[in-house]
């Protein structure tokens, strides 16, 4: 298949959307498909991947470095015409919901834009031939927009990488906590300041490591100054897995997530989790026995009590891939196969509805672990 992906964000940025897309692109190419990525930035060259840069904009109030894609119809049309994809453009279109942008708006004092964002989103998803959500929470958000026929494209995780390895550094009375994610306003990292300063004097009741980078890093470094807090910066691959393995507990204060991929990574590593009680967290962590939920406006003592409670939870006996609907795909390869299934079904449906989209030599492709599928 030739598959065109159009995204508002792409490498070299690092976040949940880019993580999913990076694994998806890699899986698609490994399976023999050709991929076109259209975005405002370019990632490193990859065999089998064509990248097309389009106009972008930097929004300093959100992130003074990251570029977000802007409508660029002429460039997109030329790229699609040259690539001639099987899915997207004037061809069958599959739209997937990843980020609750309207929820972010309030964090940046842009709540007044919510009706506009809702209107744009509703129109965009209804124009698509198939609509996907990346979690049960995403399905609920689309339903609020009047889009009630979306299907699930579940998340995945590298289960070979995120394996629990007991690592300790000699301070059993002071738990080692970790926060993984972009250091941005919507991640609500400030909620942990009170925890780290609650004793009034050093040392803090826990040792906290922030893994990740972002526009709020300098402000957070000032806010957590004098506490037992380390800013490790962006970590990937084995380095990220080692950071999970060295921690006693993951802290997750964000209230704007639709999935929370770091929660899935923590579950795969069988790491205790203390998270803010939101619909997305409940959906993602349903069935995971080593999690403790705290109120959205939890006090520092509530966070500490949650950590202590999570630490005594026994390791899970339920296989990670069998935990819940939002994490049921297991590997990223399985998640990509599910996506390909949606692509095939969409192409077939649109072709039956409108007749042959264009004349092309029939060909076939293979889903991982499945029989060959004929496409023409």
Protein backbone atom coordinates (compact mmCIF):
# COMPACT_ATOMS: atom_id res chain seq x y z
CA UNK A 1 0.00 0.00 0.00
CA UNK A 2 0.96 3.62 -0.40
CA UNK A 3 -0.14 5.51 2.69
CA UNK A 4 0.00 9.27 3.20
CA UNK A 5 0.00 10.61 6.75
CA UNK A 6 -0.70 14.28 7.45
CA UNK A 7 0.11 15.44 10.96
CA UNK A 8 0.31 18.74 12.79
CA UNK A 9 3.42 17.47 14.60
CA UNK A 10 6.29 15.16 13.67
CA UNK A 11 9.94 14.50 14.41
CA UNK A 12 12.17 15.88 15.81
CA UNK A 13 9.45 16.75 18.36
CA UNK A 14 8.80 14.17 21.06
CA UNK A 15 5.34 13.58 22.50
CA UNK A 16 2.65 10.91 22.52
CA UNK A 17 1.43 11.65 19.00
CA UNK A 18 4.94 11.58 17.53
CA UNK A 19 5.76 8.39 19.46
CA UNK A 20 2.73 6.64 17.97
CA UNK A 21 3.46 7.93 14.46
CA UNK A 22 7.13 6.99 14.68
CA UNK A 23 6.31 3.39 15.57
CA UNK A 24 3.50 3.24 13.02
CA UNK A 25 5.70 4.49 10.17
CA UNK A 26 8.44 2.03 11.10
CA UNK A 27 5.99 -0.89 11.26
CA UNK A 28 4.38 0.04 7.94
CA UNK A 29 7.74 0.25 6.17
CA UNK A 30 8.91 -3.03 7.68
CA UNK A 31 5.76 -4.66 6.30
CA UNK A 32 6.58 -3.45 2.78
CA UNK A 33 4.33 -0.41 2.53
CA UNK A 34 5.46 3.01 1.30
CA UNK A 35 4.69 6.01 3.47
CA UNK A 36 4.46 9.73 2.82
CA UNK A 37 4.64 11.98 5.88
CA UNK A 38 3.37 15.52 5.43
CA UNK A 39 4.21 17.81 8.34
CA UNK A 40 5.73 21.15 9.26
CA UNK A 41 9.06 19.54 10.22
CA UNK A 42 11.27 16.82 8.80
CA UNK A 43 12.56 13.82 10.68
CA UNK A 44 15.75 11.87 9.89
CA UNK A 45 15.83 10.06 6.51
CA UNK A 46 14.32 6.58 6.54
CA UNK A 47 14.23 4.05 3.64
CA UNK A 48 10.67 3.69 2.42
CA UNK A 49 9.57 7.06 3.86
CA UNK A 50 8.95 10.18 1.77
CA UNK A 51 8.71 13.40 3.78
CA UNK A 52 7.13 16.62 2.61
CA UNK A 53 7.51 19.79 4.67
CA UNK A 54 4.62 22.25 4.62
CA UNK A 55 4.10 25.68 6.14
CA UNK A 56 4.23 25.85 9.90
CA UNK A 57 3.96 28.30 12.73
CA UNK A 58 5.59 28.67 16.13
CA UNK A 59 3.20 29.67 18.92
CA UNK A 60 5.45 31.13 21.65
CA UNK A 61 2.72 31.02 24.30
CA UNK A 62 2.61 27.21 23.86
CA UNK A 63 6.15 26.33 22.82
CA UNK A 64 8.77 28.79 21.49
CA UNK A 65 10.54 26.02 19.53
CA UNK A 66 7.96 23.61 18.16
CA UNK A 67 6.48 24.20 14.71
CA UNK A 68 2.83 23.34 14.09
CA UNK A 69 1.50 22.64 10.61
CA UNK A 70 -0.69 25.17 8.82
CA UNK A 71 -3.11 24.57 5.92
CA UNK A 72 -0.97 24.42 2.80
CA UNK A 73 -3.30 23.10 0.10
CA UNK A 74 -1.03 23.63 -2.89
CA UNK A 75 2.02 21.89 -1.40
CA UNK A 76 -0.11 19.05 0.01
CA UNK A 77 -1.91 18.57 -3.31
CA UNK A 78 1.38 18.38 -5.24
CA UNK A 79 2.83 15.89 -2.76
CA UNK A 80 -0.27 13.68 -2.89
CA UNK A 81 -0.46 13.78 -6.67
CA UNK A 82 3.19 12.74 -6.97
CA UNK A 83 2.89 10.00 -4.33
CA UNK A 84 -0.56 8.75 -5.46
CA UNK A 85 -1.55 7.17 -2.12
CA UNK A 86 -4.18 4.53 -1.47
CA UNK A 87 -5.42 6.33 1.64
CA UNK A 88 -5.89 10.12 2.17
CA UNK A 89 -6.37 13.26 0.02
CA UNK A 90 -8.92 12.96 -2.83
CA UNK A 91 -8.61 9.28 -2.10
CA UNK A 92 -10.24 7.56 0.90
CA UNK A 93 -9.58 9.60 4.06
CA UNK A 94 -9.11 8.20 7.56
CA UNK A 95 -9.01 10.80 10.36
CA UNK A 96 -7.75 9.88 13.83
CA UNK A 97 -8.31 11.76 17.10
CA UNK A 98 -5.18 11.96 19.28
CA UNK A 99 -5.22 15.17 21.31
CA UNK A 100 -8.04 17.01 23.06
CA UNK A 101 -6.88 20.41 21.82
CA UNK A 102 -9.82 22.23 23.41
CA UNK A 103 -8.76 20.89 26.83
CA UNK A 104 -5.29 22.35 26.28
CA UNK A 105 -6.79 25.74 25.43
CA UNK A 106 -7.83 26.47 29.00
CA UNK A 107 -4.27 25.80 30.20
CA UNK A 108 -3.04 28.60 27.94
CA UNK A 109 -5.85 31.06 28.78
CA UNK A 110 -7.43 30.40 25.39
CA UNK A 111 -10.72 28.98 26.63
CA UNK A 112 -12.60 31.40 24.39
CA UNK A 113 -11.37 29.43 21.36
CA UNK A 114 -13.16 26.22 22.39
CA UNK A 115 -16.33 26.77 20.32
CA UNK A 116 -14.17 27.50 17.26
CA UNK A 117 -12.02 24.41 17.85
CA UNK A 118 -15.12 22.25 18.32
CA UNK A 119 -16.60 23.51 15.06
CA UNK A 120 -13.40 22.93 13.08
CA UNK A 121 -12.92 19.46 14.56
CA UNK A 122 -16.51 18.41 13.95
CA UNK A 123 -16.30 19.48 10.31
CA UNK A 124 -12.94 17.77 9.76
CA UNK A 125 -14.02 14.42 11.18
CA UNK A 126 -17.32 14.35 9.34
CA UNK A 127 -15.55 15.00 6.04
CA UNK A 128 -13.45 11.85 6.54
CA UNK A 129 -14.54 8.45 5.23
CA UNK A 130 -13.60 6.76 8.51
CA UNK A 131 -12.99 8.17 11.95
CA UNK A 132 -10.65 6.68 14.54
CA UNK A 133 -9.94 7.42 18.20
CA UNK A 134 -6.83 6.29 20.02
CA UNK A 135 -8.64 5.48 23.27
CA UNK A 136 -12.06 5.09 24.87
CA UNK A 137 -11.62 8.64 26.14
CA UNK A 138 -11.09 9.79 22.58
CA UNK A 139 -14.32 8.05 21.55
CA UNK A 140 -16.14 9.97 24.27
CA UNK A 141 -14.62 13.28 23.13
CA UNK A 142 -15.66 12.61 19.52
CA UNK A 143 -19.17 11.72 20.69
CA UNK A 144 -19.34 15.14 22.36
CA UNK A 145 -18.64 16.62 18.92
CA UNK A 146 -21.50 14.59 17.44
CA UNK A 147 -19.19 11.99 15.91
CA UNK A 148 -20.59 8.72 17.21
CA UNK A 149 -19.36 6.17 14.66
CA UNK A 150 -15.61 6.19 15.35
CA UNK A 151 -13.55 3.02 15.77
CA UNK A 152 -10.59 2.35 18.04
CA UNK A 153 -6.97 2.48 16.93
CA UNK A 154 -5.40 1.31 20.19
CA UNK A 155 -2.00 2.30 21.53
CA UNK A 156 0.96 0.00 21.86
CA UNK A 157 4.21 -0.38 23.73
CA UNK A 158 7.59 -1.97 23.19
CA UNK A 159 7.17 -4.83 25.66
CA UNK A 160 10.72 -6.01 25.03
CA UNK A 161 12.09 -2.66 26.13
CA UNK A 162 9.97 -1.75 29.15
CA UNK A 163 10.73 -4.70 31.44
CA UNK A 164 10.81 -4.39 35.20
CA UNK A 165 14.39 -4.55 36.48
CA UNK A 166 14.83 -3.98 40.20
CA UNK A 167 17.43 -1.23 40.66
CA UNK A 168 17.99 0.50 43.98
CA UNK A 169 20.49 3.11 45.12
CA UNK A 170 20.69 2.74 48.88
CA UNK A 171 17.88 5.02 50.16
CA UNK A 172 15.01 2.64 50.99
CA UNK A 173 13.24 5.21 53.19
CA UNK A 174 13.00 7.77 50.41
CA UNK A 175 11.13 6.45 47.39
CA UNK A 176 12.43 7.31 43.95
CA UNK A 177 9.63 8.85 41.87
CA UNK A 178 9.71 9.57 38.16
CA UNK A 179 7.69 11.83 35.88
CA UNK A 180 7.95 11.14 32.15
CA UNK A 181 6.64 13.55 29.54
CA UNK A 182 6.98 16.94 27.92
CA UNK A 183 7.62 19.74 30.35
CA UNK A 184 4.69 21.83 29.18
CA UNK A 185 1.92 23.67 30.95
CA UNK A 186 -0.78 21.12 30.09
CA UNK A 187 1.16 18.38 31.92
CA UNK A 188 0.37 20.04 35.28
CA UNK A 189 3.86 19.39 36.73
CA UNK A 190 3.38 22.22 39.23
CA UNK A 191 1.01 19.94 41.11
CA UNK A 192 4.09 18.14 42.47
CA UNK A 193 5.86 21.19 43.93
CA UNK A 194 3.96 20.93 47.21
CA UNK A 195 4.94 17.27 47.57
CA UNK A 196 8.62 18.09 47.23
CA UNK A 197 8.51 21.05 49.68
CA UNK A 198 6.04 19.71 52.27
CA UNK A 199 8.68 19.08 54.96
CA UNK A 200 9.71 22.73 54.83
CA UNK A 201 13.36 21.71 54.89
CA UNK A 202 15.57 19.31 52.96
CA UNK A 203 15.40 16.48 52.28
CA UNK A 204 12.15 16.13 50.37
CA UNK A 205 10.00 13.10 51.28
CA UNK A 206 10.76 11.49 47.91
CA UNK A 207 13.40 11.82 45.23
CA UNK A 208 11.87 13.00 41.97
CA UNK A 209 13.30 12.77 38.46
CA UNK A 210 11.72 14.60 35.53
CA UNK A 211 12.41 12.79 32.25
CA UNK A 212 11.63 14.96 29.25
CA UNK A 213 12.10 18.48 28.03
CA UNK A 214 9.91 21.35 26.92
CA UNK A 215 9.09 25.05 27.18
CA UNK A 216 8.40 24.92 30.95
CA UNK A 217 11.72 23.39 31.96
CA UNK A 218 13.45 26.53 33.19
CA UNK A 219 10.41 27.68 35.14
CA UNK A 220 10.04 24.24 36.72
CA UNK A 221 13.73 24.11 37.61
CA UNK A 222 13.26 27.35 39.52
CA UNK A 223 10.10 26.08 41.20
CA UNK A 224 11.71 22.83 42.35
CA UNK A 225 15.04 24.42 43.34
CA UNK A 226 16.31 23.24 46.71
CA UNK A 227 14.34 19.99 46.59
CA UNK A 228 15.45 16.44 45.84
CA UNK A 229 14.58 16.88 42.17
CA UNK A 230 16.63 16.04 39.09
CA UNK A 231 15.87 17.13 35.51
CA UNK A 232 17.27 14.36 33.34
CA UNK A 233 16.22 15.82 30.00
CA UNK A 234 14.90 13.82 27.07
CA UNK A 235 15.63 10.08 27.17
CA UNK A 236 14.78 7.52 24.50
CA UNK A 237 15.09 3.77 23.99
CA UNK A 238 17.25 1.89 26.48
CA UNK A 239 18.00 5.04 28.46
CA UNK A 240 14.29 5.68 28.99
CA UNK A 241 13.66 2.04 29.92
CA UNK A 242 16.50 2.21 32.44
CA UNK A 243 14.94 5.31 34.02
CA UNK A 244 11.66 3.44 34.52
CA UNK A 245 13.54 0.46 35.94
CA UNK A 246 15.43 2.60 38.45
CA UNK A 247 12.26 4.23 39.80
CA UNK A 248 9.94 3.06 42.58
CA UNK A 249 6.84 4.85 41.30
CA UNK A 250 5.58 6.92 38.34
CA UNK A 251 3.79 10.18 39.12
CA UNK A 252 1.22 11.38 36.57
CA UNK A 253 -0.42 14.75 37.37
CA UNK A 254 -1.73 15.57 33.87
CA UNK A 255 -5.48 16.14 33.49
CA UNK A 256 -5.57 16.69 29.71
CA UNK A 257 -4.57 13.29 28.34
CA UNK A 258 -6.68 11.08 26.09
CA UNK A 259 -4.41 8.03 26.51
CA UNK A 260 -1.23 8.65 28.48
CA UNK A 261 1.34 6.45 26.75
CA UNK A 262 3.70 6.74 29.71
CA UNK A 263 1.06 4.99 31.83
CA UNK A 264 1.15 2.08 29.40
CA UNK A 265 4.95 2.01 29.51
CA UNK A 266 4.81 1.95 33.32
CA UNK A 267 2.31 -0.92 33.27
CA UNK A 268 4.51 -2.87 30.87
CA UNK A 269 7.38 -2.34 33.31
CA UNK A 270 5.09 -3.32 36.25
CA UNK A 271 5.92 -0.01 37.92
CA UNK A 272 3.56 1.39 40.61
CA UNK A 273 1.69 4.49 39.44
CA UNK A 274 0.10 7.44 41.27
CA UNK A 275 -2.04 9.49 38.89
CA UNK A 276 -4.70 12.16 38.92
CA UNK A 277 -8.17 10.65 38.74
CA UNK A 278 -9.48 11.44 35.24
CA UNK A 279 -11.54 9.51 32.69
CA UNK A 280 -8.48 8.90 30.50
CA UNK A 281 -6.42 7.56 33.41
CA UNK A 282 -9.24 5.26 34.49
CA UNK A 283 -9.69 3.96 30.95
CA UNK A 284 -5.98 3.39 30.40
CA UNK A 285 -5.21 1.85 33.80
CA UNK A 286 -8.38 -0.22 34.25
CA UNK A 287 -7.36 -3.59 35.67
CA UNK A 288 -3.86 -2.54 36.75
CA UNK A 289 -3.52 -3.36 40.44
CA UNK A 290 -0.44 -1.24 41.14
CA UNK A 291 -2.10 2.12 40.57
CA UNK A 292 -3.48 4.67 43.05
CA UNK A 293 -5.63 7.59 41.91
CA UNK A 294 -5.66 10.96 43.68
CA UNK A 295 -8.11 13.86 43.24
CA UNK A 296 -7.47 16.47 40.56
CA UNK A 297 -6.64 19.03 43.23
CA UNK A 298 -4.83 16.58 45.51
CA UNK A 299 -2.92 17.98 48.48
CA UNK A 300 0.78 17.23 48.92
CA UNK A 301 -0.15 14.80 51.70
CA UNK A 302 -2.57 13.02 49.33
CA UNK A 303 0.25 12.58 46.82
CA UNK A 304 2.56 11.20 49.51
CA UNK A 305 -0.14 8.88 50.86
CA UNK A 306 -0.77 7.69 47.31
CA UNK A 307 2.92 6.93 46.80
CA UNK A 308 3.15 4.96 50.02
CA UNK A 309 -0.02 3.03 49.15
CA UNK A 310 1.20 2.25 45.62
CA UNK A 311 4.53 0.95 46.89
CA UNK A 312 2.90 -1.84 48.89
CA UNK A 313 0.78 -3.05 45.99
CA UNK A 314 1.86 -6.49 44.83
CA UNK A 315 3.23 -7.05 41.29
CA UNK A 316 0.53 -7.69 38.73
CA UNK A 317 -0.34 -11.28 37.78
CA UNK A 318 -2.40 -10.21 34.76
CA UNK A 319 -0.54 -10.13 31.41
CA UNK A 320 -0.11 -6.55 30.30
CA UNK A 321 -1.81 -7.08 26.93
CA UNK A 322 -4.94 -8.44 28.68
CA UNK A 323 -5.43 -5.54 31.07
CA UNK A 324 -8.01 -3.32 29.35
CA UNK A 325 -9.44 -2.05 26.07
CA UNK A 326 -7.18 1.01 25.87
CA UNK A 327 -4.00 -1.08 26.16
CA UNK A 328 -5.23 -4.31 24.60
CA UNK A 329 -3.17 -4.13 21.41
CA UNK A 330 0.05 -4.94 23.28
CA UNK A 331 2.78 -4.27 20.75
CA UNK A 332 3.05 -1.35 18.36
CA UNK A 333 3.06 -3.89 15.52
CA UNK A 334 -0.36 -5.15 16.59
CA UNK A 335 -1.63 -1.58 16.80
CA UNK A 336 -0.37 -0.92 13.27
CA UNK A 337 -2.08 -4.07 11.97
CA UNK A 338 -5.36 -2.81 13.43
CA UNK A 339 -4.82 0.51 11.66
CA UNK A 340 -4.11 -1.27 8.37
CA UNK A 341 -7.34 -3.19 8.80
CA UNK A 342 -9.20 0.11 9.03
CA UNK A 343 -7.41 1.34 5.92
CA UNK A 344 -8.35 -1.72 3.89
CA UNK A 345 -11.96 -1.60 5.01
CA UNK A 346 -12.20 2.11 4.20
CA UNK A 347 -10.76 1.69 0.71
CA UNK A 348 -13.16 -1.18 -0.01
CA UNK A 349 -16.16 0.76 1.30
CA UNK A 350 -15.37 3.92 -0.64
CA UNK A 351 -14.64 1.94 -3.81
CA UNK A 352 -17.97 0.12 -3.59
CA UNK A 353 -19.80 3.38 -2.96
CA UNK A 354 -18.28 5.42 -5.76
CA UNK A 355 -16.97 2.84 -8.21
CA UNK A 356 -13.31 2.44 -9.06
CA UNK A 357 -11.42 5.46 -7.75
CA UNK A 358 -8.85 5.20 -10.51
CA UNK A 359 -7.36 2.61 -12.80
CA UNK A 360 -4.41 0.84 -11.25
CA UNK A 361 -2.69 -2.49 -11.58
CA UNK A 362 -4.01 -4.78 -8.81
CA UNK A 363 -1.52 -5.63 -6.12
CA UNK A 364 -1.47 -7.24 -2.72
CA UNK A 365 0.01 -6.60 0.69
CA UNK A 366 0.42 -8.44 3.93
CA UNK A 367 -0.67 -7.64 7.45
CA UNK A 368 1.76 -8.92 10.08
CA UNK A 369 0.73 -12.41 11.11
CA UNK A 370 -2.19 -12.52 8.69
CA UNK A 371 -2.96 -13.86 5.24
CA UNK A 372 -2.26 -11.80 2.17
CA UNK A 373 -4.92 -9.20 1.29
CA UNK A 374 -5.70 -8.41 -2.34
CA UNK A 375 -5.96 -4.76 -3.29
CA UNK A 376 -6.57 -3.19 -6.65
